[in-house]
Amino acid sequence: MTTSRRPPDGESGDFVEDVLSLVERIPPGRVMSYGAIAEYVGGGGPRQVGAVMSRYGESVPWHRVVTAAGRTPPGNEQAALRRLRADGTPLRGDHVDMRAAAWYPEDGD
């Protein structure tokens, strides 16, 4: 992961900023899926959110972004699980318990 927020050619800076700003708001112990983030920011899809997170996500709580099934980011599974445990995120084995941990900005917490 890199820390620069400057998008490469062909990637909208607004989309990058919207994704990163939303991820910064996810409270400890909660998560959002790639697809939920894409839906909320109103652009791209889960893969585009994943690309943003892999390129620029180091400066935000990247471990709070998971698949809809609660799987942690590929290649960073163990680091993400350590951080999620430290956050107090509900887990089921090596997956996030999405029923208990999924967060949306309208949740208010």
N, C-alpha and C. Protein backbone atom coordinates (compact mmCIF):
# COMPACT_ATOMS: atom_id res chain seq x y z
N MET A 1 0.84 -1.18 0.00
CA MET A 1 0.00 0.00 0.00
C MET A 1 0.88 1.24 0.00
N THR A 2 0.42 2.27 -0.71
CA THR A 2 1.16 3.52 -0.73
C THR A 2 0.36 4.59 0.00
N THR A 3 1.01 5.69 0.32
CA THR A 3 0.34 6.73 1.08
C THR A 3 -0.11 7.91 0.24
N SER A 4 0.33 8.03 -0.98
CA SER A 4 -0.05 9.14 -1.84
C SER A 4 -1.52 9.04 -2.21
N ARG A 5 -2.19 10.19 -2.25
CA ARG A 5 -3.60 10.20 -2.65
C ARG A 5 -3.77 10.73 -4.07
N ARG A 6 -2.70 10.87 -4.81
CA ARG A 6 -2.78 11.34 -6.20
C ARG A 6 -3.14 10.16 -7.09
N PRO A 7 -4.32 10.20 -7.75
CA PRO A 7 -4.73 9.07 -8.58
C PRO A 7 -3.92 8.96 -9.86
N PRO A 8 -3.73 7.72 -10.34
CA PRO A 8 -3.07 7.54 -11.63
C PRO A 8 -4.00 7.97 -12.76
N ASP A 9 -3.45 8.06 -13.95
CA ASP A 9 -4.26 8.42 -15.11
C ASP A 9 -5.48 7.52 -15.21
N GLY A 10 -6.63 8.13 -15.51
CA GLY A 10 -7.85 7.37 -15.72
C GLY A 10 -8.64 7.10 -14.45
N GLU A 11 -8.17 7.52 -13.28
CA GLU A 11 -8.90 7.28 -12.04
C GLU A 11 -9.29 8.63 -11.45
N SER A 12 -10.55 8.79 -11.12
CA SER A 12 -11.06 10.05 -10.62
C SER A 12 -10.53 10.36 -9.23
N GLY A 13 -9.95 11.56 -9.08
CA GLY A 13 -9.50 12.00 -7.78
C GLY A 13 -10.64 12.13 -6.79
N ASP A 14 -11.82 12.54 -7.27
CA ASP A 14 -12.98 12.65 -6.40
C ASP A 14 -13.37 11.28 -5.84
N PHE A 15 -13.36 10.27 -6.68
CA PHE A 15 -13.71 8.92 -6.22
C PHE A 15 -12.73 8.45 -5.16
N VAL A 16 -11.44 8.67 -5.40
CA VAL A 16 -10.42 8.27 -4.43
C VAL A 16 -10.66 8.98 -3.11
N GLU A 17 -10.84 10.29 -3.14
CA GLU A 17 -11.07 11.06 -1.92
C GLU A 17 -12.36 10.63 -1.22
N ASP A 18 -13.42 10.39 -1.99
CA ASP A 18 -14.69 9.96 -1.39
C ASP A 18 -14.53 8.62 -0.66
N VAL A 19 -13.84 7.69 -1.31
CA VAL A 19 -13.62 6.37 -0.69
C VAL A 19 -12.80 6.52 0.58
N LEU A 20 -11.69 7.22 0.50
CA LEU A 20 -10.81 7.34 1.66
C LEU A 20 -11.47 8.11 2.80
N SER A 21 -12.22 9.14 2.48
CA SER A 21 -12.93 9.91 3.51
C SER A 21 -13.96 9.05 4.22
N LEU A 22 -14.66 8.21 3.47
CA LEU A 22 -15.66 7.32 4.08
C LEU A 22 -14.97 6.28 4.96
N VAL A 23 -13.90 5.68 4.49
CA VAL A 23 -13.19 4.67 5.28
C VAL A 23 -12.68 5.27 6.59
N GLU A 24 -12.24 6.52 6.55
CA GLU A 24 -11.78 7.19 7.78
C GLU A 24 -12.89 7.29 8.82
N ARG A 25 -14.14 7.30 8.39
CA ARG A 25 -15.29 7.45 9.30
C ARG A 25 -15.74 6.13 9.93
N ILE A 26 -15.30 4.99 9.41
CA ILE A 26 -15.75 3.71 9.95
C ILE A 26 -15.24 3.58 11.38
N PRO A 27 -16.14 3.41 12.35
CA PRO A 27 -15.70 3.37 13.74
C PRO A 27 -15.00 2.06 14.09
N PRO A 28 -14.16 2.09 15.12
CA PRO A 28 -13.54 0.85 15.60
C PRO A 28 -14.61 -0.19 15.94
N GLY A 29 -14.33 -1.44 15.61
CA GLY A 29 -15.28 -2.52 15.87
C GLY A 29 -16.32 -2.72 14.79
N ARG A 30 -16.28 -1.88 13.76
CA ARG A 30 -17.24 -1.96 12.67
C ARG A 30 -16.48 -2.06 11.35
N VAL A 31 -17.15 -2.49 10.30
CA VAL A 31 -16.55 -2.63 8.97
C VAL A 31 -17.56 -2.23 7.90
N MET A 32 -17.04 -2.00 6.70
CA MET A 32 -17.88 -1.85 5.50
C MET A 32 -17.31 -2.76 4.43
N SER A 33 -18.19 -3.25 3.58
CA SER A 33 -17.73 -4.06 2.46
C SER A 33 -17.34 -3.14 1.30
N TYR A 34 -16.52 -3.68 0.41
CA TYR A 34 -16.12 -2.94 -0.78
C TYR A 34 -17.35 -2.46 -1.55
N GLY A 35 -18.33 -3.34 -1.70
CA GLY A 35 -19.54 -3.00 -2.44
C GLY A 35 -20.37 -1.94 -1.76
N ALA A 36 -20.48 -1.99 -0.43
CA ALA A 36 -21.24 -0.99 0.31
C ALA A 36 -20.59 0.39 0.17
N ILE A 37 -19.27 0.41 0.17
CA ILE A 37 -18.56 1.68 -0.02
C ILE A 37 -18.84 2.23 -1.41
N ALA A 38 -18.75 1.39 -2.43
CA ALA A 38 -19.02 1.83 -3.81
C ALA A 38 -20.44 2.36 -3.93
N GLU A 39 -21.39 1.66 -3.32
CA GLU A 39 -22.78 2.11 -3.38
C GLU A 39 -22.95 3.46 -2.69
N TYR A 40 -22.34 3.61 -1.53
CA TYR A 40 -22.49 4.85 -0.76
C TYR A 40 -21.88 6.04 -1.49
N VAL A 41 -20.68 5.88 -2.04
CA VAL A 41 -20.04 7.02 -2.71
C VAL A 41 -20.62 7.25 -4.10
N GLY A 42 -21.40 6.29 -4.61
CA GLY A 42 -22.12 6.49 -5.85
C GLY A 42 -21.28 6.40 -7.11
N GLY A 43 -20.27 5.58 -7.08
CA GLY A 43 -19.47 5.42 -8.28
C GLY A 43 -18.63 4.17 -8.21
N GLY A 44 -18.21 3.70 -9.35
CA GLY A 44 -17.37 2.51 -9.38
C GLY A 44 -18.10 1.30 -8.85
N GLY A 45 -17.33 0.32 -8.44
CA GLY A 45 -17.87 -0.90 -7.89
C GLY A 45 -16.88 -1.44 -6.88
N PRO A 46 -17.13 -2.65 -6.37
CA PRO A 46 -16.22 -3.23 -5.37
C PRO A 46 -14.77 -3.31 -5.83
N ARG A 47 -14.56 -3.66 -7.09
CA ARG A 47 -13.18 -3.76 -7.59
C ARG A 47 -12.47 -2.41 -7.61
N GLN A 48 -13.22 -1.37 -7.97
CA GLN A 48 -12.62 -0.04 -7.99
C GLN A 48 -12.28 0.43 -6.57
N VAL A 49 -13.15 0.12 -5.62
CA VAL A 49 -12.86 0.44 -4.23
C VAL A 49 -11.62 -0.32 -3.78
N GLY A 50 -11.53 -1.60 -4.15
CA GLY A 50 -10.35 -2.39 -3.81
C GLY A 50 -9.08 -1.80 -4.39
N ALA A 51 -9.16 -1.30 -5.62
CA ALA A 51 -8.00 -0.68 -6.25
C ALA A 51 -7.58 0.58 -5.49
N VAL A 52 -8.55 1.38 -5.09
CA VAL A 52 -8.24 2.58 -4.31
C VAL A 52 -7.57 2.18 -2.99
N MET A 53 -8.14 1.17 -2.33
CA MET A 53 -7.59 0.77 -1.04
C MET A 53 -6.18 0.22 -1.19
N SER A 54 -5.93 -0.54 -2.26
CA SER A 54 -4.59 -1.11 -2.42
C SER A 54 -3.56 -0.04 -2.77
N ARG A 55 -3.99 1.01 -3.47
CA ARG A 55 -3.04 2.07 -3.86
C ARG A 55 -2.84 3.13 -2.80
N TYR A 56 -3.92 3.49 -2.08
CA TYR A 56 -3.88 4.66 -1.20
C TYR A 56 -4.33 4.37 0.24
N GLY A 57 -4.70 3.16 0.54
CA GLY A 57 -5.36 2.86 1.80
C GLY A 57 -4.52 2.84 3.05
N GLU A 58 -3.21 2.94 2.92
CA GLU A 58 -2.35 2.84 4.10
C GLU A 58 -2.62 3.94 5.13
N SER A 59 -3.07 5.10 4.69
CA SER A 59 -3.28 6.23 5.60
C SER A 59 -4.64 6.21 6.30
N VAL A 60 -5.47 5.23 6.01
CA VAL A 60 -6.80 5.11 6.63
C VAL A 60 -6.92 3.73 7.27
N PRO A 61 -7.96 3.48 8.07
CA PRO A 61 -8.11 2.15 8.69
C PRO A 61 -8.54 1.09 7.67
N TRP A 62 -7.62 0.72 6.80
CA TRP A 62 -7.86 -0.19 5.68
C TRP A 62 -8.42 -1.53 6.13
N HIS A 63 -8.07 -1.95 7.32
CA HIS A 63 -8.50 -3.26 7.82
C HIS A 63 -10.00 -3.31 8.07
N ARG A 64 -10.66 -2.18 8.08
CA ARG A 64 -12.12 -2.12 8.30
C ARG A 64 -12.90 -2.24 7.00
N VAL A 65 -12.21 -2.52 5.90
CA VAL A 65 -12.86 -2.74 4.60
C VAL A 65 -12.66 -4.21 4.25
N VAL A 66 -13.78 -4.92 4.09
CA VAL A 66 -13.76 -6.37 3.87
C VAL A 66 -14.71 -6.74 2.74
N THR A 67 -14.71 -8.00 2.35
CA THR A 67 -15.65 -8.46 1.35
C THR A 67 -17.04 -8.58 1.98
N ALA A 68 -18.05 -8.73 1.16
CA ALA A 68 -19.42 -8.88 1.66
C ALA A 68 -19.55 -10.13 2.53
N ALA A 69 -18.68 -11.10 2.33
CA ALA A 69 -18.69 -12.32 3.13
C ALA A 69 -17.85 -12.18 4.40
N GLY A 70 -17.22 -11.02 4.61
CA GLY A 70 -16.44 -10.78 5.80
C GLY A 70 -14.98 -11.19 5.71
N ARG A 71 -14.52 -11.49 4.49
CA ARG A 71 -13.10 -11.85 4.33
C ARG A 71 -12.25 -10.58 4.33
N THR A 72 -11.06 -10.69 4.90
CA THR A 72 -10.15 -9.57 5.00
C THR A 72 -9.37 -9.38 3.69
N PRO A 73 -8.69 -8.24 3.53
CA PRO A 73 -8.00 -7.96 2.26
C PRO A 73 -6.96 -9.02 1.91
N PRO A 74 -7.01 -9.52 0.68
CA PRO A 74 -6.06 -10.54 0.24
C PRO A 74 -4.62 -10.06 0.37
N GLY A 75 -3.79 -10.93 0.90
CA GLY A 75 -2.39 -10.61 1.09
C GLY A 75 -2.10 -9.92 2.42
N ASN A 76 -3.14 -9.45 3.08
CA ASN A 76 -2.98 -8.76 4.37
C ASN A 76 -3.90 -9.36 5.43
N GLU A 77 -4.28 -10.61 5.24
CA GLU A 77 -5.27 -11.24 6.11
C GLU A 77 -4.88 -11.22 7.58
N GLN A 78 -3.66 -11.65 7.89
CA GLN A 78 -3.26 -11.76 9.29
C GLN A 78 -3.12 -10.39 9.96
N ALA A 79 -2.54 -9.43 9.26
CA ALA A 79 -2.42 -8.08 9.81
C ALA A 79 -3.80 -7.47 10.04
N ALA A 80 -4.71 -7.69 9.09
CA ALA A 80 -6.07 -7.16 9.24
C ALA A 80 -6.77 -7.81 10.43
N LEU A 81 -6.65 -9.12 10.56
CA LEU A 81 -7.30 -9.80 11.69
C LEU A 81 -6.75 -9.31 13.02
N ARG A 82 -5.45 -9.08 13.12
CA ARG A 82 -4.87 -8.55 14.35
C ARG A 82 -5.48 -7.18 14.68
N ARG A 83 -5.58 -6.33 13.69
CA ARG A 83 -6.14 -4.99 13.90
C ARG A 83 -7.63 -5.06 14.23
N LEU A 84 -8.35 -5.93 13.55
CA LEU A 84 -9.78 -6.08 13.82
C LEU A 84 -10.01 -6.58 15.25
N ARG A 85 -9.21 -7.55 15.68
CA ARG A 85 -9.32 -8.03 17.06
C ARG A 85 -9.04 -6.90 18.05
N ALA A 86 -8.01 -6.11 17.78
CA ALA A 86 -7.67 -4.99 18.65
C ALA A 86 -8.80 -3.96 18.70
N ASP A 87 -9.53 -3.81 17.59
CA ASP A 87 -10.68 -2.89 17.52
C ASP A 87 -11.90 -3.44 18.26
N GLY A 88 -11.90 -4.75 18.56
CA GLY A 88 -13.07 -5.38 19.17
C GLY A 88 -14.14 -5.75 18.15
N THR A 89 -13.75 -5.95 16.92
CA THR A 89 -14.68 -6.30 15.85
C THR A 89 -15.17 -7.73 16.04
N PRO A 90 -16.49 -7.97 15.96
CA PRO A 90 -17.01 -9.34 16.07
C PRO A 90 -16.51 -10.20 14.91
N LEU A 91 -15.91 -11.33 15.23
CA LEU A 91 -15.38 -12.25 14.24
C LEU A 91 -16.03 -13.61 14.40
N ARG A 92 -16.01 -14.37 13.31
CA ARG A 92 -16.40 -15.77 13.29
C ARG A 92 -15.25 -16.51 12.64
N GLY A 93 -14.35 -17.02 13.47
CA GLY A 93 -13.14 -17.64 12.93
C GLY A 93 -12.26 -16.58 12.32
N ASP A 94 -11.91 -16.76 11.04
CA ASP A 94 -11.04 -15.79 10.38
C ASP A 94 -11.82 -14.84 9.47
N HIS A 95 -13.13 -14.71 9.72
CA HIS A 95 -13.99 -13.80 8.97
C HIS A 95 -14.68 -12.84 9.94
N VAL A 96 -15.04 -11.67 9.44
CA VAL A 96 -15.82 -10.73 10.22
C VAL A 96 -17.27 -11.21 10.25
N ASP A 97 -17.90 -11.11 11.40
CA ASP A 97 -19.33 -11.40 11.54
C ASP A 97 -20.07 -10.19 10.99
N MET A 98 -20.45 -10.25 9.73
CA MET A 98 -21.03 -9.10 9.05
C MET A 98 -22.38 -8.68 9.65
N ARG A 99 -23.13 -9.61 10.17
CA ARG A 99 -24.42 -9.22 10.79
C ARG A 99 -24.20 -8.30 11.99
N ALA A 100 -23.14 -8.56 12.73
CA ALA A 100 -22.86 -7.77 13.93
C ALA A 100 -21.98 -6.56 13.66
N ALA A 101 -21.13 -6.62 12.64
CA ALA A 101 -20.11 -5.58 12.47
C ALA A 101 -20.34 -4.61 11.31
N ALA A 102 -21.24 -4.93 10.38
CA ALA A 102 -21.43 -4.05 9.22
C ALA A 102 -21.90 -2.67 9.67
N TRP A 103 -21.31 -1.64 9.09
CA TRP A 103 -21.63 -0.26 9.45
C TRP A 103 -21.98 0.53 8.19
N TYR A 104 -22.91 1.44 8.34
CA TYR A 104 -23.27 2.38 7.29
C TYR A 104 -23.32 3.76 7.92
N PRO A 105 -22.95 4.80 7.21
CA PRO A 105 -22.93 6.15 7.81
C PRO A 105 -24.23 6.55 8.49
N GLU A 106 -25.35 6.07 8.00
CA GLU A 106 -26.64 6.42 8.61
C GLU A 106 -26.83 5.77 9.97
N ASP A 107 -25.97 4.79 10.33
CA ASP A 107 -26.08 4.12 11.63
C ASP A 107 -25.84 5.09 12.78
N GLY A 108 -25.09 6.14 12.53
CA GLY A 108 -24.87 7.16 13.54
C GLY A 108 -23.84 6.85 14.59
N ASP A 109 -23.22 5.67 14.57
CA ASP A 109 -22.19 5.41 15.58
C ASP A 109 -20.83 5.38 14.98
